[in-house]
Amino acid sequence: MRSDPAPRQAIIFDLDGTLLDTLEDLADSLNYVLEKEGLPTHTPEKYRFMVGNGLPTLVARALPEGLRIPAHVKPVLRQFIERYRQNLCVKTKPYAGIPEVLEALKKGGLRLAVLSNKAHPQALEVVAHYFPGCFDLVLGLRPEAAAKPDPSGAREILRAFDLKPGQVLYVGDSDVDMETAVAAGLRPVGVAWGFRPRAELLAAGADVILETPADLLRLVHEGT
């Protein structure tokens, strides 16, 4: 763990696998479409390694290898988006301790943002549903924006907050998140409770891995 003297002013969070356990709603919605199309379905555990790069990539990964072309991906994607839109908040839930940690960070004066590869309207909806009033800015994946690990979304948040990279932590659960943080010059903080294993986070540049949400409060207060 490195010591960085820059005062922390803000934290950017990934969404799925970091703040919210969305795996079952994603799995149920996509499996519904796959089954309807006569295609093989997958367990939530398998979906754990398919998510993280946006819904089009998720659909492509879920399809049999020979069907991972636009002509097959697009119709499944359209149906999946509609099904998932109707089932965003059925089984999804915040990870234990996350609401309390967000409240404490907010009371401590930190600015909070979400940067997600979830479609922007869905990101806005689930954040408003589960964390009303917690976040200063929420950016999901928009048609005009590049998906993570491209750092442009993180840089957009920095400009909106008028902060330098060294003043901001980026907290996420996947290699995509750690690569985003590194590319944007933010401190990459991994979480052990998410969708991906510790080894993936470390290999992608995680500076520290949190075992529980409460560890984030200690990290911020200790300034390490």
C-alpha atoms as a PDB file:
ATOM      1  CA  MET A   1       0.000   0.000   0.000  1.00  0.00           C
ATOM      2  CA  ARG A   2       1.461   3.374  -0.961  1.00  0.00           C
ATOM      3  CA  SER A   3       1.151   6.545   1.041  1.00  0.00           C
ATOM      4  CA  ASP A   4      -0.220   9.518  -0.873  1.00  0.00           C
ATOM      5  CA  PRO A   5      -0.289  12.910   0.871  1.00  0.00           C
ATOM      6  CA  ALA A   6      -2.957  14.412  -1.415  1.00  0.00           C
ATOM      7  CA  PRO A   7      -6.103  15.244   0.571  1.00  0.00           C
ATOM      8  CA  ARG A   8      -9.058  13.167  -0.508  1.00  0.00           C
ATOM      9  CA  GLN A   9     -11.938  15.273  -1.717  1.00  0.00           C
ATOM     10  CA  ALA A  10     -14.068  12.770  -3.614  1.00  0.00           C
ATOM     11  CA  ILE A  11     -14.675   9.089  -4.297  1.00  0.00           C
ATOM     12  CA  ILE A  12     -15.858   7.616  -7.578  1.00  0.00           C
ATOM     13  CA  PHE A  13     -17.595   4.255  -7.300  1.00  0.00           C
ATOM     14  CA  ASP A  14     -18.329   1.527  -9.766  1.00  0.00           C
ATOM     15  CA  LEU A  15     -21.943   0.346  -9.412  1.00  0.00           C
ATOM     16  CA  ASP A  16     -22.588  -3.344 -10.168  1.00  0.00           C
ATOM     17  CA  GLY A  17     -20.503  -5.561  -7.906  1.00  0.00           C
ATOM     18  CA  THR A  18     -19.290  -2.614  -5.835  1.00  0.00           C
ATOM     19  CA  LEU A  19     -22.327  -0.825  -4.425  1.00  0.00           C
ATOM     20  CA  LEU A  20     -25.092  -3.168  -5.582  1.00  0.00           C
ATOM     21  CA  ASP A  21     -25.340  -6.922  -6.006  1.00  0.00           C
ATOM     22  CA  THR A  22     -27.182  -6.912  -9.333  1.00  0.00           C
ATOM     23  CA  LEU A  23     -26.124 -10.347 -10.522  1.00  0.00           C
ATOM     24  CA  GLU A  24     -29.409 -12.221 -10.083  1.00  0.00           C
ATOM     25  CA  ASP A  25     -31.552  -9.619 -11.830  1.00  0.00           C
ATOM     26  CA  LEU A  26     -29.096  -9.506 -14.736  1.00  0.00           C
ATOM     27  CA  ALA A  27     -28.943 -13.303 -14.914  1.00  0.00           C
ATOM     28  CA  ASP A  28     -32.709 -13.778 -14.652  1.00  0.00           C
ATOM     29  CA  SER A  29     -33.414 -11.186 -17.343  1.00  0.00           C
ATOM     30  CA  LEU A  30     -30.887 -12.480 -19.857  1.00  0.00           C
ATOM     31  CA  ASN A  31     -31.734 -16.121 -19.179  1.00  0.00           C
ATOM     32  CA  TYR A  32     -35.391 -15.324 -19.847  1.00  0.00           C
ATOM     33  CA  VAL A  33     -34.478 -14.066 -23.318  1.00  0.00           C
ATOM     34  CA  LEU A  34     -32.015 -16.867 -24.035  1.00  0.00           C
ATOM     35  CA  GLU A  35     -34.558 -19.506 -23.065  1.00  0.00           C
ATOM     36  CA  LYS A  36     -37.216 -17.788 -25.181  1.00  0.00           C
ATOM     37  CA  GLU A  37     -34.821 -17.964 -28.147  1.00  0.00           C
ATOM     38  CA  GLY A  38     -34.035 -21.634 -27.531  1.00  0.00           C
ATOM     39  CA  LEU A  39     -30.458 -20.884 -26.472  1.00  0.00           C
ATOM     40  CA  PRO A  40     -28.443 -22.197 -23.501  1.00  0.00           C
ATOM     41  CA  THR A  41     -28.758 -20.279 -20.235  1.00  0.00           C
ATOM     42  CA  HIS A  42     -26.129 -19.699 -17.545  1.00  0.00           C
ATOM     43  CA  THR A  43     -25.853 -19.740 -13.769  1.00  0.00           C
ATOM     44  CA  PRO A  44     -25.379 -16.473 -11.878  1.00  0.00           C
ATOM     45  CA  GLU A  45     -21.863 -17.663 -11.012  1.00  0.00           C
ATOM     46  CA  LYS A  46     -20.969 -17.827 -14.703  1.00  0.00           C
ATOM     47  CA  TYR A  47     -22.452 -14.391 -15.284  1.00  0.00           C
ATOM     48  CA  ARG A  48     -20.095 -13.076 -12.616  1.00  0.00           C
ATOM     49  CA  PHE A  49     -17.306 -13.251 -15.198  1.00  0.00           C
ATOM     50  CA  MET A  50     -19.359 -11.912 -18.119  1.00  0.00           C
ATOM     51  CA  VAL A  51     -20.443  -8.579 -16.662  1.00  0.00           C
ATOM     52  CA  GLY A  52     -18.458  -5.368 -16.385  1.00  0.00           C
ATOM     53  CA  ASN A  53     -18.024  -4.169 -19.960  1.00  0.00           C
ATOM     54  CA  GLY A  54     -21.564  -3.046 -20.757  1.00  0.00           C
ATOM     55  CA  LEU A  55     -24.724  -4.846 -21.853  1.00  0.00           C
ATOM     56  CA  PRO A  56     -23.771  -5.485 -25.510  1.00  0.00           C
ATOM     57  CA  THR A  57     -20.613  -7.278 -24.398  1.00  0.00           C
ATOM     58  CA  LEU A  58     -22.548  -9.195 -21.745  1.00  0.00           C
ATOM     59  CA  VAL A  59     -25.012 -10.444 -24.354  1.00  0.00           C
ATOM     60  CA  ALA A  60     -22.236 -11.423 -26.752  1.00  0.00           C
ATOM     61  CA  ARG A  61     -20.453 -13.382 -24.028  1.00  0.00           C
ATOM     62  CA  ALA A  62     -23.679 -15.161 -23.084  1.00  0.00           C
ATOM     63  CA  LEU A  63     -24.374 -16.352 -26.616  1.00  0.00           C
ATOM     64  CA  PRO A  64     -22.853 -19.545 -28.054  1.00  0.00           C
ATOM     65  CA  GLU A  65     -19.529 -18.735 -29.689  1.00  0.00           C
ATOM     66  CA  GLY A  66     -20.829 -19.146 -33.226  1.00  0.00           C
ATOM     67  CA  LEU A  67     -23.605 -16.590 -32.645  1.00  0.00           C
ATOM     68  CA  ARG A  68     -21.454 -13.730 -31.356  1.00  0.00           C
ATOM     69  CA  ILE A  69     -22.005 -11.557 -34.413  1.00  0.00           C
ATOM     70  CA  PRO A  70     -24.152  -8.420 -34.713  1.00  0.00           C
ATOM     71  CA  ALA A  71     -26.964 -10.194 -36.566  1.00  0.00           C
ATOM     72  CA  HIS A  72     -27.554 -12.409 -33.520  1.00  0.00           C
ATOM     73  CA  VAL A  73     -26.411 -10.093 -30.722  1.00  0.00           C
ATOM     74  CA  LYS A  74     -28.647  -7.129 -31.624  1.00  0.00           C
ATOM     75  CA  PRO A  75     -32.070  -8.830 -31.379  1.00  0.00           C
ATOM     76  CA  VAL A  76     -31.150 -10.583 -28.137  1.00  0.00           C
ATOM     77  CA  LEU A  77     -29.778  -7.314 -26.765  1.00  0.00           C
ATOM     78  CA  ARG A  78     -33.012  -5.451 -27.571  1.00  0.00           C
ATOM     79  CA  GLN A  79     -35.110  -8.032 -25.758  1.00  0.00           C
ATOM     80  CA  PHE A  80     -32.699  -8.186 -22.827  1.00  0.00           C
ATOM     81  CA  ILE A  81     -32.674  -4.413 -22.349  1.00  0.00           C
ATOM     82  CA  GLU A  82     -36.469  -4.349 -22.266  1.00  0.00           C
ATOM     83  CA  ARG A  83     -36.700  -7.292 -19.868  1.00  0.00           C
ATOM     84  CA  TYR A  84     -34.006  -5.942 -17.577  1.00  0.00           C
ATOM     85  CA  ARG A  85     -35.569  -2.482 -17.590  1.00  0.00           C
ATOM     86  CA  GLN A  86     -38.675  -4.052 -16.083  1.00  0.00           C
ATOM     87  CA  ASN A  87     -36.704  -6.014 -13.488  1.00  0.00           C
ATOM     88  CA  LEU A  88     -33.964  -3.661 -12.316  1.00  0.00           C
ATOM     89  CA  CYS A  89     -34.886  -3.776  -8.657  1.00  0.00           C
ATOM     90  CA  VAL A  90     -36.364  -7.226  -8.036  1.00  0.00           C
ATOM     91  CA  LYS A  91     -33.491  -9.131  -6.415  1.00  0.00           C
ATOM     92  CA  THR A  92     -30.854  -6.392  -6.573  1.00  0.00           C
ATOM     93  CA  LYS A  93     -29.701  -5.145  -3.174  1.00  0.00           C
ATOM     94  CA  PRO A  94     -26.929  -3.010  -1.679  1.00  0.00           C
ATOM     95  CA  TYR A  95     -24.021  -4.930  -0.233  1.00  0.00           C
ATOM     96  CA  ALA A  96     -24.139  -5.099   3.560  1.00  0.00           C
ATOM     97  CA  GLY A  97     -22.710  -1.937   5.080  1.00  0.00           C
ATOM     98  CA  ILE A  98     -22.715   0.125   1.879  1.00  0.00           C
ATOM     99  CA  PRO A  99     -25.621   2.489   2.764  1.00  0.00           C
ATOM    100  CA  GLU A 100     -24.084   3.279   6.151  1.00  0.00           C
ATOM    101  CA  VAL A 101     -20.644   3.910   4.654  1.00  0.00           C
ATOM    102  CA  LEU A 102     -22.054   6.206   1.981  1.00  0.00           C
ATOM    103  CA  GLU A 103     -23.932   8.178   4.614  1.00  0.00           C
ATOM    104  CA  ALA A 104     -20.773   8.535   6.717  1.00  0.00           C
ATOM    105  CA  LEU A 105     -18.699   9.640   3.712  1.00  0.00           C
ATOM    106  CA  LYS A 106     -21.329  12.180   2.744  1.00  0.00           C
ATOM    107  CA  LYS A 107     -21.486  13.555   6.282  1.00  0.00           C
ATOM    108  CA  GLY A 108     -17.691  13.754   6.235  1.00  0.00           C
ATOM    109  CA  GLY A 109     -17.851  16.215   3.367  1.00  0.00           C
ATOM    110  CA  LEU A 110     -16.642  14.019   0.515  1.00  0.00           C
ATOM    111  CA  ARG A 111     -18.179  14.362  -2.904  1.00  0.00           C
ATOM    112  CA  LEU A 112     -19.455  11.063  -4.274  1.00  0.00           C
ATOM    113  CA  ALA A 113     -19.932   9.913  -7.853  1.00  0.00           C
ATOM    114  CA  VAL A 114     -20.828   6.749  -9.738  1.00  0.00           C
ATOM    115  CA  LEU A 115     -19.113   5.760 -12.979  1.00  0.00           C
ATOM    116  CA  SER A 116     -20.627   2.620 -14.484  1.00  0.00           C
ATOM    117  CA  ASN A 117     -20.759   0.665 -17.725  1.00  0.00           C
ATOM    118  CA  LYS A 118     -24.446   0.062 -16.991  1.00  0.00           C
ATOM    119  CA  ALA A 119     -26.631   1.954 -19.461  1.00  0.00           C
ATOM    120  CA  HIS A 120     -27.024   5.540 -18.238  1.00  0.00           C
ATOM    121  CA  PRO A 121     -30.826   5.506 -17.705  1.00  0.00           C
ATOM    122  CA  GLN A 122     -30.578   2.260 -15.729  1.00  0.00           C
ATOM    123  CA  ALA A 123     -27.691   3.567 -13.651  1.00  0.00           C
ATOM    124  CA  LEU A 124     -29.667   6.689 -12.779  1.00  0.00           C
ATOM    125  CA  GLU A 125     -32.733   4.635 -11.875  1.00  0.00           C
ATOM    126  CA  VAL A 126     -31.067   2.124  -9.562  1.00  0.00           C
ATOM    127  CA  VAL A 127     -28.957   4.766  -7.818  1.00  0.00           C
ATOM    128  CA  ALA A 128     -32.037   6.913  -7.195  1.00  0.00           C
ATOM    129  CA  HIS A 129     -33.931   3.853  -5.941  1.00  0.00           C
ATOM    130  CA  TYR A 130     -31.322   2.463  -3.553  1.00  0.00           C
ATOM    131  CA  PHE A 131     -29.255   5.551  -2.647  1.00  0.00           C
ATOM    132  CA  PRO A 132     -31.514   8.621  -2.867  1.00  0.00           C
ATOM    133  CA  GLY A 133     -29.615  11.833  -2.296  1.00  0.00           C
ATOM    134  CA  CYS A 134     -26.231  10.143  -1.797  1.00  0.00           C
ATOM    135  CA  PHE A 135     -24.444  10.966  -5.040  1.00  0.00           C
ATOM    136  CA  ASP A 136     -23.441  14.282  -6.545  1.00  0.00           C
ATOM    137  CA  LEU A 137     -23.042  12.823 -10.035  1.00  0.00           C
ATOM    138  CA  VAL A 138     -23.974   9.536 -11.730  1.00  0.00           C
ATOM    139  CA  LEU A 139     -22.589   8.585 -15.132  1.00  0.00           C
ATOM    140  CA  GLY A 140     -23.629   5.380 -16.823  1.00  0.00           C
ATOM    141  CA  LEU A 141     -22.696   4.318 -20.327  1.00  0.00           C
ATOM    142  CA  ARG A 142     -24.048   6.827 -22.840  1.00  0.00           C
ATOM    143  CA  PRO A 143     -24.136   6.478 -26.640  1.00  0.00           C
ATOM    144  CA  GLU A 144     -21.686   9.336 -27.092  1.00  0.00           C
ATOM    145  CA  ALA A 145     -19.230   8.152 -24.435  1.00  0.00           C
ATOM    146  CA  ALA A 146     -16.576   5.445 -24.407  1.00  0.00           C
ATOM    147  CA  ALA A 147     -16.975   2.560 -21.979  1.00  0.00           C
ATOM    148  CA  LYS A 148     -14.564   1.928 -19.149  1.00  0.00           C
ATOM    149  CA  PRO A 149     -11.635   1.313 -19.009  1.00  0.00           C
ATOM    150  CA  ASP A 150     -11.461   4.396 -21.207  1.00  0.00           C
ATOM    151  CA  PRO A 151     -10.753   7.179 -18.668  1.00  0.00           C
ATOM    152  CA  SER A 152     -12.906   9.854 -20.306  1.00  0.00           C
ATOM    153  CA  GLY A 153     -15.838   9.318 -17.918  1.00  0.00           C
ATOM    154  CA  ALA A 154     -13.569   9.621 -14.883  1.00  0.00           C
ATOM    155  CA  ARG A 155     -12.041  12.776 -16.316  1.00  0.00           C
ATOM    156  CA  GLU A 156     -15.512  14.202 -16.898  1.00  0.00           C
ATOM    157  CA  ILE A 157     -16.241  13.726 -13.202  1.00  0.00           C
ATOM    158  CA  LEU A 158     -12.940  15.382 -12.261  1.00  0.00           C
ATOM    159  CA  ARG A 159     -13.870  18.413 -14.356  1.00  0.00           C
ATOM    160  CA  ALA A 160     -17.362  18.560 -12.864  1.00  0.00           C
ATOM    161  CA  PHE A 161     -15.904  18.455  -9.342  1.00  0.00           C
ATOM    162  CA  ASP A 162     -12.979  20.752 -10.253  1.00  0.00           C
ATOM    163  CA  LEU A 163     -10.542  18.313  -8.682  1.00  0.00           C
ATOM    164  CA  LYS A 164      -7.159  16.845  -9.548  1.00  0.00           C
ATOM    165  CA  PRO A 165      -6.698  13.072  -9.940  1.00  0.00           C
ATOM    166  CA  GLY A 166      -4.639  12.809  -6.766  1.00  0.00           C
ATOM    167  CA  GLN A 167      -7.596  14.065  -4.744  1.00  0.00           C
ATOM    168  CA  VAL A 168      -9.903  11.248  -5.818  1.00  0.00           C
ATOM    169  CA  LEU A 169     -10.237   7.536  -5.074  1.00  0.00           C
ATOM    170  CA  TYR A 170     -11.783   5.114  -7.524  1.00  0.00           C
ATOM    171  CA  VAL A 171     -13.477   2.104  -5.916  1.00  0.00           C
ATOM    172  CA  GLY A 172     -14.466  -0.948  -7.961  1.00  0.00           C
ATOM    173  CA  ASP A 173     -14.632  -4.723  -8.149  1.00  0.00           C
ATOM    174  CA  SER A 174     -13.070  -5.617 -11.516  1.00  0.00           C
ATOM    175  CA  ASP A 175     -10.008  -5.284 -13.708  1.00  0.00           C
ATOM    176  CA  VAL A 176     -11.969  -2.788 -15.812  1.00  0.00           C
ATOM    177  CA  ASP A 177     -12.341  -0.527 -12.784  1.00  0.00           C
ATOM    178  CA  MET A 178      -8.706  -0.726 -11.762  1.00  0.00           C
ATOM    179  CA  GLU A 179      -7.580  -0.045 -15.335  1.00  0.00           C
ATOM    180  CA  THR A 180      -9.921   2.955 -15.483  1.00  0.00           C
ATOM    181  CA  ALA A 181      -8.460   4.361 -12.279  1.00  0.00           C
ATOM    182  CA  VAL A 182      -4.875   3.874 -13.447  1.00  0.00           C
ATOM    183  CA  ALA A 183      -5.589   5.458 -16.835  1.00  0.00           C
ATOM    184  CA  ALA A 184      -7.203   8.504 -15.194  1.00  0.00           C
ATOM    185  CA  GLY A 185      -4.494   8.891 -12.531  1.00  0.00           C
ATOM    186  CA  LEU A 186      -6.878   8.070  -9.663  1.00  0.00           C
ATOM    187  CA  ARG A 187      -5.969   5.826  -6.767  1.00  0.00           C
ATOM    188  CA  PRO A 188      -7.296   2.341  -7.652  1.00  0.00           C
ATOM    189  CA  VAL A 189      -9.117   0.731  -4.721  1.00  0.00           C
ATOM    190  CA  GLY A 190     -10.486  -2.792  -5.169  1.00  0.00           C
ATOM    191  CA  VAL A 191     -13.232  -4.493  -3.183  1.00  0.00           C
ATOM    192  CA  ALA A 192     -13.158  -8.133  -2.121  1.00  0.00           C
ATOM    193  CA  TRP A 193     -16.954  -8.557  -1.935  1.00  0.00           C
ATOM    194  CA  GLY A 194     -17.703  -8.006  -5.640  1.00  0.00           C
ATOM    195  CA  PHE A 195     -17.953 -10.114  -8.769  1.00  0.00           C
ATOM    196  CA  ARG A 196     -14.263 -10.682  -9.504  1.00  0.00           C
ATOM    197  CA  PRO A 197     -11.384 -12.313  -7.572  1.00  0.00           C
ATOM    198  CA  ARG A 198      -8.630 -10.478  -5.703  1.00  0.00           C
ATOM    199  CA  ALA A 199      -5.975 -11.738  -8.122  1.00  0.00           C
ATOM    200  CA  GLU A 200      -7.688  -9.979 -11.024  1.00  0.00           C
ATOM    201  CA  LEU A 201      -7.817  -6.698  -9.122  1.00  0.00           C
ATOM    202  CA  LEU A 202      -4.174  -6.849  -8.121  1.00  0.00           C
ATOM    203  CA  ALA A 203      -3.037  -7.772 -11.621  1.00  0.00           C
ATOM    204  CA  ALA A 204      -4.954  -4.780 -12.998  1.00  0.00           C
ATOM    205  CA  GLY A 205      -3.248  -2.323 -10.640  1.00  0.00           C
ATOM    206  CA  ALA A 206      -5.260  -2.235  -7.404  1.00  0.00           C
ATOM    207  CA  ASP A 207      -3.291  -0.275  -4.822  1.00  0.00           C
ATOM    208  CA  VAL A 208      -5.313  -1.687  -1.939  1.00  0.00           C
ATOM    209  CA  ILE A 209      -8.190  -4.147  -1.602  1.00  0.00           C
ATOM    210  CA  LEU A 210     -10.975  -3.515   0.904  1.00  0.00           C
ATOM    211  CA  GLU A 211     -12.302  -6.546   2.754  1.00  0.00           C
ATOM    212  CA  THR A 212     -15.451  -4.780   3.967  1.00  0.00           C
ATOM    213  CA  PRO A 213     -17.162  -1.463   3.152  1.00  0.00           C
ATOM    214  CA  ALA A 214     -16.148  -0.151   6.580  1.00  0.00           C
ATOM    215  CA  ASP A 215     -12.519  -0.443   5.489  1.00  0.00           C
ATOM    216  CA  LEU A 216     -13.139   2.448   3.114  1.00  0.00           C
ATOM    217  CA  LEU A 217     -13.864   4.752   6.045  1.00  0.00           C
ATOM    218  CA  ARG A 218     -10.599   3.753   7.679  1.00  0.00           C
ATOM    219  CA  LEU A 219      -8.737   4.281   4.411  1.00  0.00           C
ATOM    220  CA  VAL A 220     -10.146   7.773   4.020  1.00  0.00           C
ATOM    221  CA  HIS A 221      -9.640   8.763   7.665  1.00  0.00           C
ATOM    222  CA  GLU A 222      -6.098   7.427   7.828  1.00  0.00           C
ATOM    223  CA  GLY A 223      -5.199   9.045   4.533  1.00  0.00           C
ATOM    224  CA  THR A 224      -3.210   5.997   3.406  1.00  0.00           C
END
